[in-house]
Amino acid sequence: MTKLEKINDIVRILEYYFPNPEVPLQHKSAYTLLISVLLSAQCTDERVNKTTPHLFKLADNPFDMIKHSVEEIREIIKPCGLSPMKSKGIAGLSKILVEKYGGEVPSTFEELEELPAVGHKTASVVMTQWFGKPAFPVDTHIHRLAYRWGLSNGKSVEQTEKDLKKLIPEEKWNKIHLQIIYFGRQFCPARGHIWGNCPICKKYMRKALRD
């Protein structure tokens, strides 16, 4: 089986189990999505979704956010971890959005990645999940699964993104990255993984053992 045949089969499996994956982070605007993704760094989506209602009650747009101090923001987002860095990022990017973009979140990778605390993965999520533009956000979970499934060499998140983009048609990127996240949570976790319980690992690890 070629790698292309393998990825096509994996795509079919993902489509079977998660045909309509929803965006896991609760949001109502490009701004609230951007903040939620920023907060999700080294934090679970569940924890972010419990924290953001308190933050967005304080301010759910950059105009209101800049009225509050970094310390106020930090106190609210402490449960998400890395609060010193994240609070400064939220305050800083909100100020830039107001002063440079009229309060709107920009819709290009270049502009997003220039914002404080916004890296390529965060920009990719906003680009695909809000603006609907082709992007393939690769977090540590997708990076791990791509290596486990033999789709990338696992040397870096950047390389994994390149490998997956080559293997998967562009029109599927926006959906597949969500499907992989949900599939990994249910069938292919980092810890306590039982390959016989995973529809993908069971199939390809058995083949590897036979070969």
N, C-alpha and C. Protein backbone atom coordinates (compact mmCIF):
# COMPACT_ATOMS: atom_id res chain seq x y z
N MET A 1 0.84 -1.20 0.00
CA MET A 1 0.00 0.00 0.00
C MET A 1 0.87 1.25 0.00
N THR A 2 0.60 2.16 -0.91
CA THR A 2 1.36 3.40 -0.97
C THR A 2 0.88 4.34 0.14
N LYS A 3 1.68 5.38 0.41
CA LYS A 3 1.29 6.35 1.43
C LYS A 3 0.02 7.08 1.02
N LEU A 4 -0.16 7.31 -0.28
CA LEU A 4 -1.37 7.99 -0.76
C LEU A 4 -2.59 7.11 -0.53
N GLU A 5 -2.47 5.81 -0.81
CA GLU A 5 -3.58 4.88 -0.56
C GLU A 5 -3.89 4.83 0.94
N LYS A 6 -2.85 4.86 1.74
CA LYS A 6 -3.02 4.81 3.19
C LYS A 6 -3.76 6.04 3.70
N ILE A 7 -3.35 7.21 3.25
CA ILE A 7 -4.00 8.43 3.74
C ILE A 7 -5.44 8.48 3.27
N ASN A 8 -5.72 8.01 2.06
CA ASN A 8 -7.09 7.99 1.57
C ASN A 8 -7.96 7.08 2.43
N ASP A 9 -7.39 5.95 2.87
CA ASP A 9 -8.10 5.03 3.74
C ASP A 9 -8.33 5.67 5.11
N ILE A 10 -7.32 6.34 5.64
CA ILE A 10 -7.45 7.01 6.93
C ILE A 10 -8.50 8.12 6.86
N VAL A 11 -8.53 8.85 5.76
CA VAL A 11 -9.55 9.89 5.57
C VAL A 11 -10.94 9.27 5.60
N ARG A 12 -11.10 8.12 4.97
CA ARG A 12 -12.41 7.44 4.98
C ARG A 12 -12.81 7.03 6.40
N ILE A 13 -11.84 6.55 7.18
CA ILE A 13 -12.12 6.16 8.56
C ILE A 13 -12.53 7.38 9.39
N LEU A 14 -11.79 8.47 9.24
CA LEU A 14 -12.11 9.70 9.97
C LEU A 14 -13.50 10.22 9.60
N GLU A 15 -13.83 10.14 8.33
CA GLU A 15 -15.12 10.61 7.85
C GLU A 15 -16.25 9.73 8.41
N TYR A 16 -15.98 8.46 8.56
CA TYR A 16 -16.98 7.54 9.10
C TYR A 16 -17.30 7.86 10.56
N TYR A 17 -16.27 8.08 11.36
CA TYR A 17 -16.48 8.31 12.79
C TYR A 17 -16.86 9.74 13.13
N PHE A 18 -16.33 10.70 12.37
CA PHE A 18 -16.61 12.12 12.69
C PHE A 18 -16.94 12.88 11.40
N PRO A 19 -18.15 12.63 10.85
CA PRO A 19 -18.52 13.26 9.57
C PRO A 19 -18.74 14.77 9.67
N ASN A 20 -19.13 15.24 10.85
CA ASN A 20 -19.43 16.67 11.01
C ASN A 20 -18.79 17.22 12.28
N PRO A 21 -17.48 17.31 12.30
CA PRO A 21 -16.80 17.80 13.52
C PRO A 21 -17.05 19.28 13.76
N GLU A 22 -17.36 19.63 14.99
CA GLU A 22 -17.60 21.03 15.32
C GLU A 22 -16.32 21.66 15.87
N VAL A 23 -16.23 22.95 15.75
CA VAL A 23 -15.10 23.67 16.32
C VAL A 23 -15.16 23.50 17.84
N PRO A 24 -14.14 22.95 18.48
CA PRO A 24 -14.22 22.63 19.90
C PRO A 24 -14.18 23.82 20.84
N LEU A 25 -13.65 24.94 20.39
CA LEU A 25 -13.56 26.13 21.24
C LEU A 25 -14.79 27.02 21.04
N GLN A 26 -15.45 27.34 22.12
CA GLN A 26 -16.64 28.17 22.05
C GLN A 26 -16.26 29.61 21.67
N HIS A 27 -16.98 30.16 20.71
CA HIS A 27 -16.68 31.53 20.27
C HIS A 27 -17.88 32.08 19.51
N LYS A 28 -17.91 33.39 19.35
CA LYS A 28 -19.00 34.02 18.61
C LYS A 28 -18.50 35.06 17.61
N SER A 29 -17.19 35.23 17.54
CA SER A 29 -16.61 36.20 16.62
C SER A 29 -15.17 35.81 16.33
N ALA A 30 -14.59 36.47 15.35
CA ALA A 30 -13.18 36.21 15.05
C ALA A 30 -12.30 36.54 16.26
N TYR A 31 -12.67 37.60 16.97
CA TYR A 31 -11.89 38.01 18.13
C TYR A 31 -11.97 36.98 19.26
N THR A 32 -13.17 36.53 19.59
CA THR A 32 -13.29 35.56 20.68
C THR A 32 -12.65 34.23 20.30
N LEU A 33 -12.67 33.87 19.03
CA LEU A 33 -11.97 32.65 18.59
C LEU A 33 -10.46 32.83 18.74
N LEU A 34 -9.96 33.97 18.31
CA LEU A 34 -8.53 34.25 18.42
C LEU A 34 -8.06 34.16 19.87
N ILE A 35 -8.80 34.75 20.77
CA ILE A 35 -8.43 34.72 22.19
C ILE A 35 -8.51 33.30 22.73
N SER A 36 -9.53 32.57 22.34
CA SER A 36 -9.70 31.19 22.82
C SER A 36 -8.56 30.30 22.35
N VAL A 37 -8.16 30.46 21.11
CA VAL A 37 -7.05 29.65 20.58
C VAL A 37 -5.75 30.02 21.29
N LEU A 38 -5.54 31.30 21.52
CA LEU A 38 -4.36 31.75 22.26
C LEU A 38 -4.32 31.09 23.65
N LEU A 39 -5.46 31.04 24.31
CA LEU A 39 -5.53 30.46 25.65
C LEU A 39 -5.34 28.94 25.65
N SER A 40 -5.59 28.31 24.51
CA SER A 40 -5.53 26.85 24.44
C SER A 40 -4.11 26.30 24.40
N ALA A 41 -3.12 27.16 24.26
CA ALA A 41 -1.72 26.69 24.26
C ALA A 41 -1.41 26.00 25.58
N GLN A 42 -1.01 24.74 25.50
CA GLN A 42 -0.69 23.92 26.69
C GLN A 42 -1.85 23.89 27.68
N CYS A 43 -3.06 23.90 27.15
CA CYS A 43 -4.26 23.84 27.98
C CYS A 43 -5.33 23.10 27.20
N THR A 44 -6.22 22.40 27.89
CA THR A 44 -7.27 21.66 27.22
C THR A 44 -8.38 22.60 26.74
N ASP A 45 -9.06 22.17 25.68
CA ASP A 45 -10.20 22.95 25.19
C ASP A 45 -11.28 23.05 26.26
N GLU A 46 -11.46 22.00 27.01
CA GLU A 46 -12.47 21.99 28.08
C GLU A 46 -12.20 23.09 29.10
N ARG A 47 -10.94 23.22 29.51
CA ARG A 47 -10.57 24.25 30.48
C ARG A 47 -10.76 25.64 29.88
N VAL A 48 -10.38 25.80 28.62
CA VAL A 48 -10.56 27.10 27.96
C VAL A 48 -12.04 27.47 27.92
N ASN A 49 -12.88 26.50 27.56
CA ASN A 49 -14.32 26.78 27.46
C ASN A 49 -14.96 27.09 28.80
N LYS A 50 -14.34 26.68 29.88
CA LYS A 50 -14.84 27.02 31.22
C LYS A 50 -14.36 28.42 31.66
N THR A 51 -13.24 28.84 31.06
CA THR A 51 -12.63 30.11 31.45
C THR A 51 -13.12 31.30 30.63
N THR A 52 -13.30 31.09 29.34
CA THR A 52 -13.63 32.22 28.46
C THR A 52 -14.95 32.91 28.77
N PRO A 53 -15.99 32.22 29.28
CA PRO A 53 -17.21 32.98 29.61
C PRO A 53 -16.94 34.08 30.64
N HIS A 54 -16.05 33.83 31.58
CA HIS A 54 -15.70 34.84 32.58
C HIS A 54 -14.92 36.00 31.95
N LEU A 55 -14.00 35.62 31.04
CA LEU A 55 -13.21 36.65 30.37
C LEU A 55 -14.08 37.49 29.43
N PHE A 56 -14.93 36.82 28.66
CA PHE A 56 -15.74 37.55 27.68
C PHE A 56 -16.89 38.31 28.33
N LYS A 57 -17.22 37.97 29.57
CA LYS A 57 -18.17 38.79 30.31
C LYS A 57 -17.53 40.13 30.66
N LEU A 58 -16.22 40.06 30.90
CA LEU A 58 -15.45 41.29 31.16
C LEU A 58 -15.30 42.09 29.87
N ALA A 59 -14.94 41.38 28.79
CA ALA A 59 -14.72 42.04 27.50
C ALA A 59 -14.70 40.99 26.40
N ASP A 60 -15.58 41.15 25.40
CA ASP A 60 -15.61 40.20 24.30
C ASP A 60 -15.23 40.86 22.97
N ASN A 61 -14.57 42.01 23.06
CA ASN A 61 -14.10 42.72 21.88
C ASN A 61 -12.88 43.54 22.28
N PRO A 62 -12.03 43.89 21.34
CA PRO A 62 -10.79 44.58 21.69
C PRO A 62 -11.00 45.95 22.30
N PHE A 63 -12.08 46.65 21.91
CA PHE A 63 -12.34 47.99 22.47
C PHE A 63 -12.57 47.92 23.97
N ASP A 64 -13.32 46.92 24.41
CA ASP A 64 -13.57 46.76 25.84
C ASP A 64 -12.36 46.15 26.56
N MET A 65 -11.63 45.28 25.87
CA MET A 65 -10.51 44.60 26.51
C MET A 65 -9.41 45.59 26.89
N ILE A 66 -9.17 46.60 26.06
CA ILE A 66 -8.08 47.53 26.36
C ILE A 66 -8.41 48.46 27.53
N LYS A 67 -9.65 48.42 28.00
CA LYS A 67 -10.02 49.21 29.17
C LYS A 67 -9.54 48.56 30.46
N HIS A 68 -9.10 47.30 30.36
CA HIS A 68 -8.72 46.55 31.55
C HIS A 68 -7.21 46.29 31.58
N SER A 69 -6.69 46.17 32.77
CA SER A 69 -5.25 45.97 32.94
C SER A 69 -4.84 44.53 32.66
N VAL A 70 -3.56 44.35 32.41
CA VAL A 70 -3.01 43.02 32.22
C VAL A 70 -3.27 42.17 33.46
N GLU A 71 -3.19 42.79 34.62
CA GLU A 71 -3.40 42.07 35.88
C GLU A 71 -4.83 41.56 35.99
N GLU A 72 -5.80 42.36 35.56
CA GLU A 72 -7.20 41.91 35.59
C GLU A 72 -7.40 40.71 34.68
N ILE A 73 -6.83 40.80 33.49
CA ILE A 73 -6.95 39.72 32.52
C ILE A 73 -6.27 38.46 33.05
N ARG A 74 -5.09 38.65 33.60
CA ARG A 74 -4.33 37.51 34.11
C ARG A 74 -5.08 36.77 35.21
N GLU A 75 -5.71 37.49 36.08
CA GLU A 75 -6.43 36.87 37.20
C GLU A 75 -7.53 35.94 36.70
N ILE A 76 -8.18 36.33 35.63
CA ILE A 76 -9.28 35.53 35.09
C ILE A 76 -8.77 34.29 34.36
N ILE A 77 -7.66 34.43 33.62
CA ILE A 77 -7.22 33.32 32.77
C ILE A 77 -6.20 32.40 33.44
N LYS A 78 -5.95 32.60 34.72
CA LYS A 78 -4.98 31.75 35.43
C LYS A 78 -5.23 30.25 35.26
N PRO A 79 -6.48 29.79 35.26
CA PRO A 79 -6.71 28.35 35.12
C PRO A 79 -6.17 27.76 33.81
N CYS A 80 -5.94 28.61 32.81
CA CYS A 80 -5.44 28.12 31.53
C CYS A 80 -3.93 27.98 31.48
N GLY A 81 -3.24 28.43 32.53
CA GLY A 81 -1.79 28.31 32.56
C GLY A 81 -1.11 29.37 31.71
N LEU A 82 0.17 29.56 31.94
CA LEU A 82 0.98 30.55 31.21
C LEU A 82 0.32 31.92 31.23
N SER A 83 -0.35 32.25 32.33
CA SER A 83 -1.13 33.48 32.38
C SER A 83 -0.31 34.76 32.24
N PRO A 84 0.94 34.83 32.71
CA PRO A 84 1.69 36.08 32.49
C PRO A 84 1.88 36.40 31.01
N MET A 85 2.27 35.38 30.25
CA MET A 85 2.50 35.58 28.81
C MET A 85 1.19 35.79 28.06
N LYS A 86 0.19 34.99 28.39
CA LYS A 86 -1.08 35.06 27.67
C LYS A 86 -1.82 36.38 27.94
N SER A 87 -1.77 36.85 29.18
CA SER A 87 -2.46 38.11 29.51
C SER A 87 -1.81 39.29 28.80
N LYS A 88 -0.49 39.29 28.73
CA LYS A 88 0.20 40.36 28.00
C LYS A 88 -0.13 40.28 26.51
N GLY A 89 -0.22 39.04 26.00
CA GLY A 89 -0.56 38.87 24.59
C GLY A 89 -1.95 39.38 24.28
N ILE A 90 -2.91 39.04 25.13
CA ILE A 90 -4.30 39.49 24.92
C ILE A 90 -4.38 41.02 24.96
N ALA A 91 -3.73 41.62 25.95
CA ALA A 91 -3.75 43.08 26.06
C ALA A 91 -3.06 43.73 24.87
N GLY A 92 -1.92 43.17 24.50
CA GLY A 92 -1.14 43.75 23.40
C GLY A 92 -1.83 43.64 22.06
N LEU A 93 -2.37 42.47 21.75
CA LEU A 93 -3.00 42.30 20.44
C LEU A 93 -4.31 43.10 20.36
N SER A 94 -4.99 43.23 21.50
CA SER A 94 -6.23 44.02 21.51
C SER A 94 -5.94 45.48 21.18
N LYS A 95 -4.86 45.99 21.74
CA LYS A 95 -4.46 47.38 21.47
C LYS A 95 -4.13 47.57 19.99
N ILE A 96 -3.43 46.60 19.41
CA ILE A 96 -3.07 46.70 18.00
C ILE A 96 -4.31 46.60 17.11
N LEU A 97 -5.23 45.70 17.47
CA LEU A 97 -6.45 45.56 16.67
C LEU A 97 -7.24 46.86 16.65
N VAL A 98 -7.29 47.54 17.77
CA VAL A 98 -8.02 48.81 17.84
C VAL A 98 -7.30 49.90 17.06
N GLU A 99 -6.00 50.02 17.27
CA GLU A 99 -5.24 51.12 16.67
C GLU A 99 -4.94 50.93 15.19
N LYS A 100 -4.75 49.68 14.77
CA LYS A 100 -4.31 49.43 13.40
C LYS A 100 -5.41 48.87 12.50
N TYR A 101 -6.35 48.14 13.08
CA TYR A 101 -7.34 47.44 12.25
C TYR A 101 -8.79 47.83 12.56
N GLY A 102 -8.98 48.92 13.30
CA GLY A 102 -10.33 49.37 13.60
C GLY A 102 -11.13 48.36 14.42
N GLY A 103 -10.43 47.54 15.19
CA GLY A 103 -11.09 46.56 16.04
C GLY A 103 -11.38 45.24 15.37
N GLU A 104 -11.06 45.14 14.08
CA GLU A 104 -11.30 43.90 13.34
C GLU A 104 -10.08 42.99 13.38
N VAL A 105 -10.32 41.68 13.35
CA VAL A 105 -9.23 40.72 13.26
C VAL A 105 -8.83 40.58 11.80
N PRO A 106 -7.56 40.77 11.48
CA PRO A 106 -7.12 40.68 10.08
C PRO A 106 -7.24 39.25 9.55
N SER A 107 -7.32 39.13 8.23
CA SER A 107 -7.59 37.82 7.62
C SER A 107 -6.45 37.28 6.78
N THR A 108 -5.20 37.67 7.11
CA THR A 108 -4.05 37.09 6.42
C THR A 108 -3.10 36.51 7.46
N PHE A 109 -2.36 35.51 7.04
CA PHE A 109 -1.39 34.90 7.94
C PHE A 109 -0.36 35.92 8.41
N GLU A 110 0.11 36.73 7.49
CA GLU A 110 1.16 37.69 7.81
C GLU A 110 0.71 38.65 8.91
N GLU A 111 -0.48 39.19 8.78
CA GLU A 111 -0.97 40.15 9.76
C GLU A 111 -1.28 39.48 11.10
N LEU A 112 -1.86 38.29 11.05
CA LEU A 112 -2.17 37.59 12.30
C LEU A 112 -0.91 37.23 13.07
N GLU A 113 0.09 36.73 12.36
CA GLU A 113 1.31 36.27 13.02
C GLU A 113 2.17 37.43 13.53
N GLU A 114 1.85 38.64 13.14
CA GLU A 114 2.54 39.81 13.69
C GLU A 114 1.97 40.23 15.04
N LEU A 115 0.80 39.70 15.39
CA LEU A 115 0.17 40.07 16.65
C LEU A 115 0.88 39.38 17.82
N PRO A 116 0.94 40.03 18.98
CA PRO A 116 1.58 39.42 20.14
C PRO A 116 0.96 38.08 20.53
N ALA A 117 1.80 37.10 20.83
CA ALA A 117 1.38 35.78 21.31
C ALA A 117 0.62 34.97 20.27
N VAL A 118 0.64 35.40 19.01
CA VAL A 118 -0.04 34.66 17.95
C VAL A 118 1.00 34.03 17.04
N GLY A 119 1.09 32.70 17.10
CA GLY A 119 2.00 31.97 16.24
C GLY A 119 1.29 31.41 15.03
N HIS A 120 2.00 30.59 14.27
CA HIS A 120 1.45 30.05 13.02
C HIS A 120 0.25 29.15 13.26
N LYS A 121 0.31 28.33 14.32
CA LYS A 121 -0.80 27.42 14.59
C LYS A 121 -2.06 28.19 14.95
N THR A 122 -1.93 29.20 15.81
CA THR A 122 -3.08 30.01 16.20
C THR A 122 -3.66 30.73 14.99
N ALA A 123 -2.78 31.29 14.17
CA ALA A 123 -3.23 31.97 12.96
C ALA A 123 -3.95 31.00 12.03
N SER A 124 -3.43 29.79 11.92
CA SER A 124 -4.03 28.79 11.04
C SER A 124 -5.44 28.43 11.48
N VAL A 125 -5.64 28.30 12.80
CA VAL A 125 -6.97 27.97 13.31
C VAL A 125 -7.96 29.08 12.96
N VAL A 126 -7.57 30.32 13.17
CA VAL A 126 -8.47 31.44 12.87
C VAL A 126 -8.75 31.52 11.38
N MET A 127 -7.72 31.30 10.58
CA MET A 127 -7.88 31.37 9.13
C MET A 127 -8.88 30.33 8.62
N THR A 128 -8.76 29.10 9.14
CA THR A 128 -9.63 28.03 8.65
C THR A 128 -10.99 28.02 9.31
N GLN A 129 -11.03 28.20 10.64
CA GLN A 129 -12.29 28.02 11.36
C GLN A 129 -13.18 29.25 11.34
N TRP A 130 -12.61 30.43 11.11
CA TRP A 130 -13.45 31.62 11.02
C TRP A 130 -13.54 32.14 9.61
N PHE A 131 -12.41 32.31 8.96
CA PHE A 131 -12.42 32.90 7.62
C PHE A 131 -12.63 31.87 6.51
N GLY A 132 -12.56 30.58 6.86
CA GLY A 132 -12.82 29.53 5.87
C GLY A 132 -11.78 29.41 4.79
N LYS A 133 -10.56 29.87 5.09
CA LYS A 133 -9.49 29.78 4.11
C LYS A 133 -8.66 28.52 4.33
N PRO A 134 -8.10 27.96 3.27
CA PRO A 134 -7.35 26.71 3.41
C PRO A 134 -6.18 26.86 4.38
N ALA A 135 -6.17 26.02 5.40
CA ALA A 135 -5.08 26.00 6.37
C ALA A 135 -5.12 24.64 7.06
N PHE A 136 -4.00 24.22 7.59
CA PHE A 136 -3.94 22.93 8.28
C PHE A 136 -3.24 23.12 9.62
N PRO A 137 -3.98 23.58 10.64
CA PRO A 137 -3.36 23.78 11.95
C PRO A 137 -2.85 22.46 12.50
N VAL A 138 -1.59 22.43 12.89
CA VAL A 138 -1.01 21.21 13.46
C VAL A 138 -0.56 21.51 14.89
N ASP A 139 -1.29 20.94 15.84
CA ASP A 139 -0.87 21.07 17.24
C ASP A 139 -0.09 19.82 17.63
N THR A 140 0.27 19.71 18.89
CA THR A 140 1.09 18.57 19.32
C THR A 140 0.34 17.25 19.16
N HIS A 141 -0.98 17.28 19.27
CA HIS A 141 -1.77 16.06 19.15
C HIS A 141 -1.77 15.55 17.71
N ILE A 142 -2.02 16.43 16.75
CA ILE A 142 -1.99 16.04 15.34
C ILE A 142 -0.58 15.62 14.95
N HIS A 143 0.41 16.33 15.45
CA HIS A 143 1.81 15.99 15.20
C HIS A 143 2.11 14.56 15.68
N ARG A 144 1.64 14.23 16.87
CA ARG A 144 1.86 12.90 17.44
C ARG A 144 1.16 11.82 16.62
N LEU A 145 -0.07 12.07 16.23
CA LEU A 145 -0.83 11.07 15.49
C LEU A 145 -0.28 10.86 14.09
N ALA A 146 0.15 11.93 13.45
CA ALA A 146 0.73 11.80 12.11
C ALA A 146 1.97 10.91 12.14
N TYR A 147 2.75 11.04 13.20
CA TYR A 147 3.94 10.18 13.36
C TYR A 147 3.52 8.75 13.68
N ARG A 148 2.56 8.60 14.58
CA ARG A 148 2.10 7.26 14.98
C ARG A 148 1.53 6.51 13.79
N TRP A 149 0.84 7.21 12.91
CA TRP A 149 0.20 6.58 11.76
C TRP A 149 1.13 6.48 10.55
N GLY A 150 2.37 6.94 10.70
CA GLY A 150 3.34 6.83 9.62
C GLY A 150 3.13 7.80 8.48
N LEU A 151 2.53 8.96 8.78
CA LEU A 151 2.27 9.96 7.75
C LEU A 151 3.35 11.04 7.71
N SER A 152 4.17 11.11 8.75
CA SER A 152 5.25 12.09 8.82
C SER A 152 6.37 11.51 9.68
N ASN A 153 7.56 12.08 9.52
CA ASN A 153 8.71 11.55 10.28
C ASN A 153 8.76 12.05 11.72
N GLY A 154 7.89 12.99 12.06
CA GLY A 154 7.79 13.43 13.44
C GLY A 154 8.92 14.33 13.91
N LYS A 155 9.73 14.85 13.00
CA LYS A 155 10.87 15.67 13.42
C LYS A 155 10.47 17.04 13.92
N SER A 156 9.40 17.59 13.39
CA SER A 156 8.94 18.90 13.83
C SER A 156 7.50 19.11 13.42
N VAL A 157 6.82 20.01 14.15
CA VAL A 157 5.44 20.34 13.81
C VAL A 157 5.38 20.94 12.40
N GLU A 158 6.39 21.74 12.08
CA GLU A 158 6.43 22.38 10.75
C GLU A 158 6.51 21.35 9.65
N GLN A 159 7.34 20.32 9.85
CA GLN A 159 7.49 19.28 8.84
C GLN A 159 6.21 18.45 8.72
N THR A 160 5.59 18.18 9.86
CA THR A 160 4.33 17.44 9.84
C THR A 160 3.27 18.19 9.04
N GLU A 161 3.19 19.51 9.23
CA GLU A 161 2.23 20.30 8.46
C GLU A 161 2.50 20.18 6.96
N LYS A 162 3.76 20.28 6.57
CA LYS A 162 4.12 20.16 5.15
C LYS A 162 3.75 18.78 4.61
N ASP A 163 4.05 17.74 5.39
CA ASP A 163 3.77 16.37 4.94
C ASP A 163 2.27 16.14 4.76
N LEU A 164 1.47 16.60 5.73
CA LEU A 164 0.03 16.39 5.64
C LEU A 164 -0.59 17.19 4.50
N LYS A 165 -0.08 18.38 4.27
CA LYS A 165 -0.60 19.19 3.17
C LYS A 165 -0.31 18.55 1.81
N LYS A 166 0.80 17.83 1.72
CA LYS A 166 1.13 17.14 0.47
C LYS A 166 0.23 15.93 0.25
N LEU A 167 -0.13 15.26 1.35
CA LEU A 167 -0.89 14.02 1.26
C LEU A 167 -2.39 14.24 1.11
N ILE A 168 -2.89 15.32 1.72
CA ILE A 168 -4.34 15.54 1.78
C ILE A 168 -4.74 16.70 0.87
N PRO A 169 -5.76 16.51 0.04
CA PRO A 169 -6.20 17.59 -0.86
C PRO A 169 -6.58 18.85 -0.08
N GLU A 170 -6.26 19.99 -0.64
CA GLU A 170 -6.47 21.28 0.04
C GLU A 170 -7.90 21.48 0.49
N GLU A 171 -8.86 21.02 -0.31
CA GLU A 171 -10.26 21.25 0.04
C GLU A 171 -10.70 20.45 1.27
N LYS A 172 -9.88 19.51 1.71
CA LYS A 172 -10.21 18.71 2.89
C LYS A 172 -9.50 19.20 4.15
N TRP A 173 -8.55 20.11 4.03
CA TRP A 173 -7.73 20.52 5.18
C TRP A 173 -8.57 21.02 6.35
N ASN A 174 -9.51 21.90 6.06
CA ASN A 174 -10.28 22.56 7.13
C ASN A 174 -11.03 21.56 7.99
N LYS A 175 -11.49 20.48 7.38
CA LYS A 175 -12.29 19.49 8.09
C LYS A 175 -11.42 18.41 8.73
N ILE A 176 -10.40 17.97 8.00
CA ILE A 176 -9.58 16.85 8.46
C ILE A 176 -8.87 17.16 9.77
N HIS A 177 -8.38 18.37 9.93
CA HIS A 177 -7.63 18.65 11.15
C HIS A 177 -8.52 18.53 12.39
N LEU A 178 -9.81 18.88 12.25
CA LEU A 178 -10.75 18.71 13.36
C LEU A 178 -11.07 17.23 13.57
N GLN A 179 -11.22 16.49 12.48
CA GLN A 179 -11.51 15.07 12.59
C GLN A 179 -10.39 14.32 13.30
N ILE A 180 -9.16 14.68 12.99
CA ILE A 180 -8.02 14.03 13.64
C ILE A 180 -8.01 14.31 15.13
N ILE A 181 -8.32 15.55 15.51
CA ILE A 181 -8.34 15.92 16.93
C ILE A 181 -9.38 15.09 17.68
N TYR A 182 -10.60 15.02 17.15
CA TYR A 182 -11.66 14.26 17.82
C TYR A 182 -11.36 12.77 17.83
N PHE A 183 -10.83 12.27 16.74
CA PHE A 183 -10.49 10.84 16.66
C PHE A 183 -9.42 10.48 17.68
N GLY A 184 -8.40 11.33 17.78
CA GLY A 184 -7.32 11.08 18.73
C GLY A 184 -7.83 11.04 20.16
N ARG A 185 -8.73 11.95 20.49
CA ARG A 185 -9.27 11.99 21.85
C ARG A 185 -10.02 10.70 22.19
N GLN A 186 -10.78 10.20 21.23
CA GLN A 186 -11.63 9.04 21.51
C GLN A 186 -10.92 7.71 21.36
N PHE A 187 -10.06 7.59 20.33
CA PHE A 187 -9.50 6.28 20.01
C PHE A 187 -7.98 6.18 20.14
N CYS A 188 -7.27 7.30 20.06
CA CYS A 188 -5.81 7.22 19.93
C CYS A 188 -5.11 8.23 20.85
N PRO A 189 -5.33 8.13 22.16
CA PRO A 189 -4.75 9.10 23.09
C PRO A 189 -3.25 8.92 23.26
N ALA A 190 -2.61 9.94 23.81
CA ALA A 190 -1.15 9.87 24.04
C ALA A 190 -0.83 8.87 25.14
N ARG A 191 -1.66 8.88 26.19
CA ARG A 191 -1.41 7.99 27.32
C ARG A 191 -2.49 6.91 27.39
N GLY A 192 -2.08 5.73 27.81
CA GLY A 192 -3.03 4.63 27.94
C GLY A 192 -3.58 4.16 26.61
N HIS A 193 -2.83 4.39 25.56
CA HIS A 193 -3.29 3.99 24.22
C HIS A 193 -3.23 2.48 24.05
N ILE A 194 -4.35 1.91 23.63
CA ILE A 194 -4.43 0.48 23.32
C ILE A 194 -4.66 0.35 21.83
N TRP A 195 -3.62 -0.04 21.10
CA TRP A 195 -3.72 0.02 19.64
C TRP A 195 -4.84 -0.84 19.09
N GLY A 196 -5.18 -1.91 19.82
CA GLY A 196 -6.27 -2.77 19.35
C GLY A 196 -7.63 -2.13 19.42
N ASN A 197 -7.76 -1.03 20.19
CA ASN A 197 -9.03 -0.31 20.30
C ASN A 197 -9.14 0.84 19.31
N CYS A 198 -8.08 1.11 18.59
CA CYS A 198 -8.06 2.22 17.63
C CYS A 198 -8.26 1.68 16.22
N PRO A 199 -9.31 2.10 15.52
CA PRO A 199 -9.57 1.59 14.17
C PRO A 199 -8.43 1.81 13.19
N ILE A 200 -7.64 2.86 13.39
CA ILE A 200 -6.52 3.12 12.48
C ILE A 200 -5.29 2.33 12.89
N CYS A 201 -4.90 2.43 14.15
CA CYS A 201 -3.71 1.71 14.61
C CYS A 201 -3.90 0.20 14.49
N LYS A 202 -5.09 -0.29 14.80
CA LYS A 202 -5.36 -1.72 14.72
C LYS A 202 -5.12 -2.23 13.31
N LYS A 203 -5.54 -1.47 12.35
CA LYS A 203 -5.41 -1.88 10.95
C LYS A 203 -3.97 -1.84 10.47
N TYR A 204 -3.29 -0.73 10.75
CA TYR A 204 -1.95 -0.54 10.18
C TYR A 204 -0.85 -1.13 11.03
N MET A 205 -1.04 -1.26 12.33
CA MET A 205 -0.03 -1.93 13.15
C MET A 205 -0.07 -3.43 12.90
N ARG A 206 -1.25 -3.98 12.67
CA ARG A 206 -1.34 -5.39 12.34
C ARG A 206 -0.67 -5.68 11.01
N LYS A 207 -0.87 -4.77 10.06
CA LYS A 207 -0.22 -4.94 8.76
C LYS A 207 1.29 -4.87 8.91
N ALA A 208 1.76 -3.94 9.76
CA ALA A 208 3.19 -3.80 9.98
C ALA A 208 3.77 -5.06 10.62
N LEU A 209 3.01 -5.64 11.54
CA LEU A 209 3.47 -6.88 12.18
C LEU A 209 3.52 -8.03 11.19
N ARG A 210 2.55 -8.08 10.28
CA ARG A 210 2.55 -9.14 9.26
C ARG A 210 3.72 -8.97 8.31
N ASP A 211 3.96 -7.68 7.94
CA ASP A 211 5.06 -7.42 6.99
C ASP A 211 6.42 -7.66 7.65
